C-alpha cells in the first residue's frame, strides 16, 4: 500500500514540478527575447484560452495550487490510514462546495464549466470513497479526480 501511495505522491510531485519548470522556462524565454509579444507566445499554445482578466488568472491559479496541495495532503493521510481526515479535505477542498459552484459558474465557456463541475463532483466522490477506508476504492476515485485535472490542463489555458 505504501508503495502505491508513494508512487501516486511522486506522480503528483512530477506534475507540480513540470508546471514549475514550464513556468520558469516561459519566464526565461520572455526575458531573453523581449521582442516576442505575448500574442505570439499564446499562438504557440494551441489550448483554448479562457480569456481571463489578470486578477481572475491569479485567483484561478491560486485555486489550482490549493487543489494540488489538497491532493498531496490526501495522499499523505491515506499513507497514515487517516481516511476520515482525508475525506474531509476531499469534500472541503476538492468537492462541489457552494463557493466552487459559484466560481465555476463565472466562466463564459460552457465546456470548461461542465468539466469544472465534473472535477468538483469527483472530489466529493473521492471524499465518499475515502470514508470506506478501502485503499483500492480510494485510489480509483483519486485517479478519476486527477484525470479531470489532466484533461482540463490539456484543453485549456488561461
C-alpha atoms as a PDB file:
ATOM      1  CA  UNK A   1       0.000   0.000   0.000  1.00  0.00           C
ATOM      2  CA  UNK A   2       2.768   2.453   0.885  1.00  0.00           C
ATOM      3  CA  UNK A   3       4.473   1.774  -2.453  1.00  0.00           C
ATOM      4  CA  UNK A   4       1.298   2.666  -4.309  1.00  0.00           C
ATOM      5  CA  UNK A   5       0.818   5.820  -2.261  1.00  0.00           C
ATOM      6  CA  UNK A   6       4.437   6.808  -2.733  1.00  0.00           C
ATOM      7  CA  UNK A   7       4.088   6.295  -6.490  1.00  0.00           C
ATOM      8  CA  UNK A   8       0.988   8.481  -6.523  1.00  0.00           C
ATOM      9  CA  UNK A   9       2.769  11.126  -4.455  1.00  0.00           C
ATOM     10  CA  UNK A  10       5.732  11.015  -6.835  1.00  0.00           C
ATOM     11  CA  UNK A  11       3.381  11.459  -9.789  1.00  0.00           C
ATOM     12  CA  UNK A  12       1.772  14.498  -8.162  1.00  0.00           C
ATOM     13  CA  UNK A  13       5.234  15.905  -7.444  1.00  0.00           C
ATOM     14  CA  UNK A  14       6.320  15.420 -11.047  1.00  0.00           C
ATOM     15  CA  UNK A  15       3.163  17.144 -12.295  1.00  0.00           C
ATOM     16  CA  UNK A  16       3.825  20.063  -9.967  1.00  0.00           C
ATOM     17  CA  UNK A  17       7.495  20.268 -10.923  1.00  0.00           C
ATOM     18  CA  UNK A  18       6.605  20.059 -14.597  1.00  0.00           C
ATOM     19  CA  UNK A  19       4.354  23.082 -14.170  1.00  0.00           C
ATOM     20  CA  UNK A  20       7.040  24.939 -12.241  1.00  0.00           C
ATOM     21  CA  UNK A  21       9.692  24.167 -14.857  1.00  0.00           C
ATOM     22  CA  UNK A  22       7.329  25.193 -17.645  1.00  0.00           C
ATOM     23  CA  UNK A  23       6.650  28.487 -15.889  1.00  0.00           C
ATOM     24  CA  UNK A  24      10.382  29.045 -15.312  1.00  0.00           C
ATOM     25  CA  UNK A  25      11.187  28.215 -18.935  1.00  0.00           C
ATOM     26  CA  UNK A  26       8.492  30.607 -20.117  1.00  0.00           C
ATOM     27  CA  UNK A  27       9.877  33.361 -17.870  1.00  0.00           C
ATOM     28  CA  UNK A  28      13.424  32.790 -19.136  1.00  0.00           C
ATOM     29  CA  UNK A  29      12.195  32.799 -22.723  1.00  0.00           C
ATOM     30  CA  UNK A  30      10.399  36.098 -22.153  1.00  0.00           C
ATOM     31  CA  UNK A  31      13.461  37.650 -20.513  1.00  0.00           C
ATOM     32  CA  UNK A  32      15.781  36.628 -23.378  1.00  0.00           C
ATOM     33  CA  UNK A  33      13.516  37.656 -26.208  1.00  0.00           C
ATOM     34  CA  UNK A  34      11.841  40.950 -25.389  1.00  0.00           C
ATOM     35  CA  UNK A  35      10.683  41.458 -28.968  1.00  0.00           C
ATOM     36  CA  UNK A  36       8.336  38.491 -28.910  1.00  0.00           C
ATOM     37  CA  UNK A  37       4.851  39.635 -27.972  1.00  0.00           C
ATOM     38  CA  UNK A  38       2.569  37.768 -25.584  1.00  0.00           C
ATOM     39  CA  UNK A  39       0.211  37.301 -28.508  1.00  0.00           C
ATOM     40  CA  UNK A  40       2.840  35.374 -30.433  1.00  0.00           C
ATOM     41  CA  UNK A  41       3.608  33.237 -27.381  1.00  0.00           C
ATOM     42  CA  UNK A  42      -0.038  32.341 -26.917  1.00  0.00           C
ATOM     43  CA  UNK A  43      -0.177  31.356 -30.584  1.00  0.00           C
ATOM     44  CA  UNK A  44       2.330  28.569 -29.774  1.00  0.00           C
ATOM     45  CA  UNK A  45      -0.050  27.132 -27.191  1.00  0.00           C
ATOM     46  CA  UNK A  46      -2.919  25.509 -29.066  1.00  0.00           C
ATOM     47  CA  UNK A  47      -5.060  25.055 -25.955  1.00  0.00           C
ATOM     48  CA  UNK A  48      -8.257  27.080 -25.628  1.00  0.00           C
ATOM     49  CA  UNK A  49      -7.764  30.365 -23.801  1.00  0.00           C
ATOM     50  CA  UNK A  50     -10.206  31.167 -21.030  1.00  0.00           C
ATOM     51  CA  UNK A  51      -9.610  34.889 -21.718  1.00  0.00           C
ATOM     52  CA  UNK A  52      -9.343  35.698 -18.025  1.00  0.00           C
ATOM     53  CA  UNK A  53      -8.508  39.092 -16.599  1.00  0.00           C
ATOM     54  CA  UNK A  54      -5.144  39.289 -14.796  1.00  0.00           C
ATOM     55  CA  UNK A  55      -6.937  39.257 -11.433  1.00  0.00           C
ATOM     56  CA  UNK A  56      -9.043  36.247 -12.374  1.00  0.00           C
ATOM     57  CA  UNK A  57      -5.962  34.420 -13.680  1.00  0.00           C
ATOM     58  CA  UNK A  58      -4.255  34.812 -10.312  1.00  0.00           C
ATOM     59  CA  UNK A  59      -7.386  33.701  -8.470  1.00  0.00           C
ATOM     60  CA  UNK A  60      -7.731  30.629 -10.689  1.00  0.00           C
ATOM     61  CA  UNK A  61      -4.026  29.759 -10.296  1.00  0.00           C
ATOM     62  CA  UNK A  62      -4.409  30.045  -6.525  1.00  0.00           C
ATOM     63  CA  UNK A  63      -7.388  27.672  -6.607  1.00  0.00           C
ATOM     64  CA  UNK A  64      -5.480  25.129  -8.671  1.00  0.00           C
ATOM     65  CA  UNK A  65      -2.498  25.280  -6.304  1.00  0.00           C
ATOM     66  CA  UNK A  66      -4.876  24.646  -3.400  1.00  0.00           C
ATOM     67  CA  UNK A  67      -6.251  21.638  -5.277  1.00  0.00           C
ATOM     68  CA  UNK A  68      -2.746  20.197  -5.718  1.00  0.00           C
ATOM     69  CA  UNK A  69      -1.991  20.819  -2.031  1.00  0.00           C
ATOM     70  CA  UNK A  70      -5.249  19.049  -1.112  1.00  0.00           C
ATOM     71  CA  UNK A  71      -4.351  16.013  -3.233  1.00  0.00           C
ATOM     72  CA  UNK A  72      -0.913  15.936  -1.630  1.00  0.00           C
ATOM     73  CA  UNK A  73      -2.484  16.055   1.859  1.00  0.00           C
ATOM     74  CA  UNK A  74      -4.958  13.320   0.946  1.00  0.00           C
ATOM     75  CA  UNK A  75      -2.152  11.032  -0.245  1.00  0.00           C
ATOM     76  CA  UNK A  76      -0.175  11.654   2.935  1.00  0.00           C
ATOM     77  CA  UNK A  77      -3.184  10.995   5.135  1.00  0.00           C
ATOM     78  CA  UNK A  78      -4.005   7.811   3.220  1.00  0.00           C
ATOM     79  CA  UNK A  79      -0.455   6.572   3.814  1.00  0.00           C
ATOM     80  CA  UNK A  80      -1.086   7.045   7.548  1.00  0.00           C
ATOM     81  CA  UNK A  81      -4.516   5.343   7.405  1.00  0.00           C
ATOM     82  CA  UNK A  82      -6.216   8.644   8.311  1.00  0.00           C
ATOM     83  CA  UNK A  83      -9.044   8.188   5.847  1.00  0.00           C
ATOM     84  CA  UNK A  84     -11.588  10.267   7.771  1.00  0.00           C
ATOM     85  CA  UNK A  85      -9.308  13.327   7.717  1.00  0.00           C
ATOM     86  CA  UNK A  86      -8.526  12.728   4.046  1.00  0.00           C
ATOM     87  CA  UNK A  87     -12.257  12.537   3.317  1.00  0.00           C
ATOM     88  CA  UNK A  88     -12.871  15.896   4.989  1.00  0.00           C
ATOM     89  CA  UNK A  89     -10.159  17.509   2.868  1.00  0.00           C
ATOM     90  CA  UNK A  90     -11.545  15.955  -0.313  1.00  0.00           C
ATOM     91  CA  UNK A  91     -15.016  17.315   0.400  1.00  0.00           C
ATOM     92  CA  UNK A  92     -13.929  20.760   1.599  1.00  0.00           C
ATOM     93  CA  UNK A  93     -11.052  21.485  -0.799  1.00  0.00           C
ATOM     94  CA  UNK A  94     -11.949  19.489  -3.924  1.00  0.00           C
ATOM     95  CA  UNK A  95     -15.690  18.961  -3.613  1.00  0.00           C
ATOM     96  CA  UNK A  96     -18.514  20.943  -5.150  1.00  0.00           C
ATOM     97  CA  UNK A  97     -18.922  23.401  -2.305  1.00  0.00           C
ATOM     98  CA  UNK A  98     -21.224  26.397  -2.798  1.00  0.00           C
ATOM     99  CA  UNK A  99     -18.112  28.561  -3.291  1.00  0.00           C
ATOM    100  CA  UNK A 100     -16.730  26.276  -6.009  1.00  0.00           C
ATOM    101  CA  UNK A 101     -20.137  26.057  -7.667  1.00  0.00           C
ATOM    102  CA  UNK A 102     -20.274  29.862  -7.789  1.00  0.00           C
ATOM    103  CA  UNK A 103     -16.687  30.080  -9.043  1.00  0.00           C
ATOM    104  CA  UNK A 104     -17.259  27.560 -11.837  1.00  0.00           C
ATOM    105  CA  UNK A 105     -20.438  29.367 -12.883  1.00  0.00           C
ATOM    106  CA  UNK A 106     -18.489  32.573 -13.548  1.00  0.00           C
ATOM    107  CA  UNK A 107     -16.726  31.289 -16.669  1.00  0.00           C
ATOM    108  CA  UNK A 108     -18.014  32.086 -20.146  1.00  0.00           C
ATOM    109  CA  UNK A 109     -17.006  28.700 -21.531  1.00  0.00           C
ATOM    110  CA  UNK A 110     -19.743  26.087 -21.145  1.00  0.00           C
ATOM    111  CA  UNK A 111     -17.435  23.102 -21.721  1.00  0.00           C
ATOM    112  CA  UNK A 112     -14.949  24.417 -19.147  1.00  0.00           C
ATOM    113  CA  UNK A 113     -17.753  24.904 -16.623  1.00  0.00           C
ATOM    114  CA  UNK A 114     -19.022  21.366 -17.245  1.00  0.00           C
ATOM    115  CA  UNK A 115     -15.520  19.977 -16.763  1.00  0.00           C
ATOM    116  CA  UNK A 116     -15.074  22.047 -13.596  1.00  0.00           C
ATOM    117  CA  UNK A 117     -18.340  20.797 -12.134  1.00  0.00           C
ATOM    118  CA  UNK A 118     -17.375  17.195 -13.002  1.00  0.00           C
ATOM    119  CA  UNK A 119     -13.984  17.679 -11.312  1.00  0.00           C
ATOM    120  CA  UNK A 120     -15.559  19.022  -8.125  1.00  0.00           C
ATOM    121  CA  UNK A 121     -18.203  16.283  -8.080  1.00  0.00           C
ATOM    122  CA  UNK A 122     -15.386  13.751  -8.382  1.00  0.00           C
ATOM    123  CA  UNK A 123     -13.821  15.434  -5.330  1.00  0.00           C
ATOM    124  CA  UNK A 124     -16.988  14.658  -3.384  1.00  0.00           C
ATOM    125  CA  UNK A 125     -16.960  11.112  -4.781  1.00  0.00           C
ATOM    126  CA  UNK A 126     -13.351  10.846  -3.599  1.00  0.00           C
ATOM    127  CA  UNK A 127     -14.399  12.005  -0.136  1.00  0.00           C
ATOM    128  CA  UNK A 128     -17.092   9.316  -0.084  1.00  0.00           C
ATOM    129  CA  UNK A 129     -14.631   6.653  -1.300  1.00  0.00           C
ATOM    130  CA  UNK A 130     -12.147   7.611   1.417  1.00  0.00           C
ATOM    131  CA  UNK A 131     -14.826   7.034   4.048  1.00  0.00           C
ATOM    132  CA  UNK A 132     -14.846   3.350   3.057  1.00  0.00           C
ATOM    133  CA  UNK A 133     -11.189   3.152   4.227  1.00  0.00           C
ATOM    134  CA  UNK A 134     -10.559   0.894   1.243  1.00  0.00           C
ATOM    135  CA  UNK A 135      -7.245   1.878  -0.359  1.00  0.00           C
ATOM    136  CA  UNK A 136      -8.101   0.492  -3.805  1.00  0.00           C
ATOM    137  CA  UNK A 137     -11.507   2.177  -3.922  1.00  0.00           C
ATOM    138  CA  UNK A 138      -9.916   5.417  -2.734  1.00  0.00           C
ATOM    139  CA  UNK A 139      -7.099   5.262  -5.288  1.00  0.00           C
ATOM    140  CA  UNK A 140      -9.565   4.639  -8.123  1.00  0.00           C
ATOM    141  CA  UNK A 141     -11.546   7.700  -7.012  1.00  0.00           C
ATOM    142  CA  UNK A 142      -8.356   9.770  -6.723  1.00  0.00           C
ATOM    143  CA  UNK A 143      -7.328   8.637 -10.191  1.00  0.00           C
ATOM    144  CA  UNK A 144     -10.661   9.806 -11.602  1.00  0.00           C
ATOM    145  CA  UNK A 145     -10.250  13.200  -9.942  1.00  0.00           C
ATOM    146  CA  UNK A 146      -6.726  13.538 -11.297  1.00  0.00           C
ATOM    147  CA  UNK A 147      -7.908  12.559 -14.784  1.00  0.00           C
ATOM    148  CA  UNK A 148     -10.116  15.657 -14.754  1.00  0.00           C
ATOM    149  CA  UNK A 149      -7.052  17.766 -13.895  1.00  0.00           C
ATOM    150  CA  UNK A 150      -5.048  16.259 -16.742  1.00  0.00           C
ATOM    151  CA  UNK A 151      -7.928  16.658 -19.209  1.00  0.00           C
ATOM    152  CA  UNK A 152      -8.586  20.266 -18.249  1.00  0.00           C
ATOM    153  CA  UNK A 153      -4.922  21.286 -18.445  1.00  0.00           C
ATOM    154  CA  UNK A 154      -4.602  19.566 -21.827  1.00  0.00           C
ATOM    155  CA  UNK A 155      -7.536  21.550 -23.271  1.00  0.00           C
ATOM    156  CA  UNK A 156      -7.461  24.956 -21.548  1.00  0.00           C
ATOM    157  CA  UNK A 157      -5.007  27.693 -20.714  1.00  0.00           C
ATOM    158  CA  UNK A 158      -5.514  30.975 -19.030  1.00  0.00           C
END
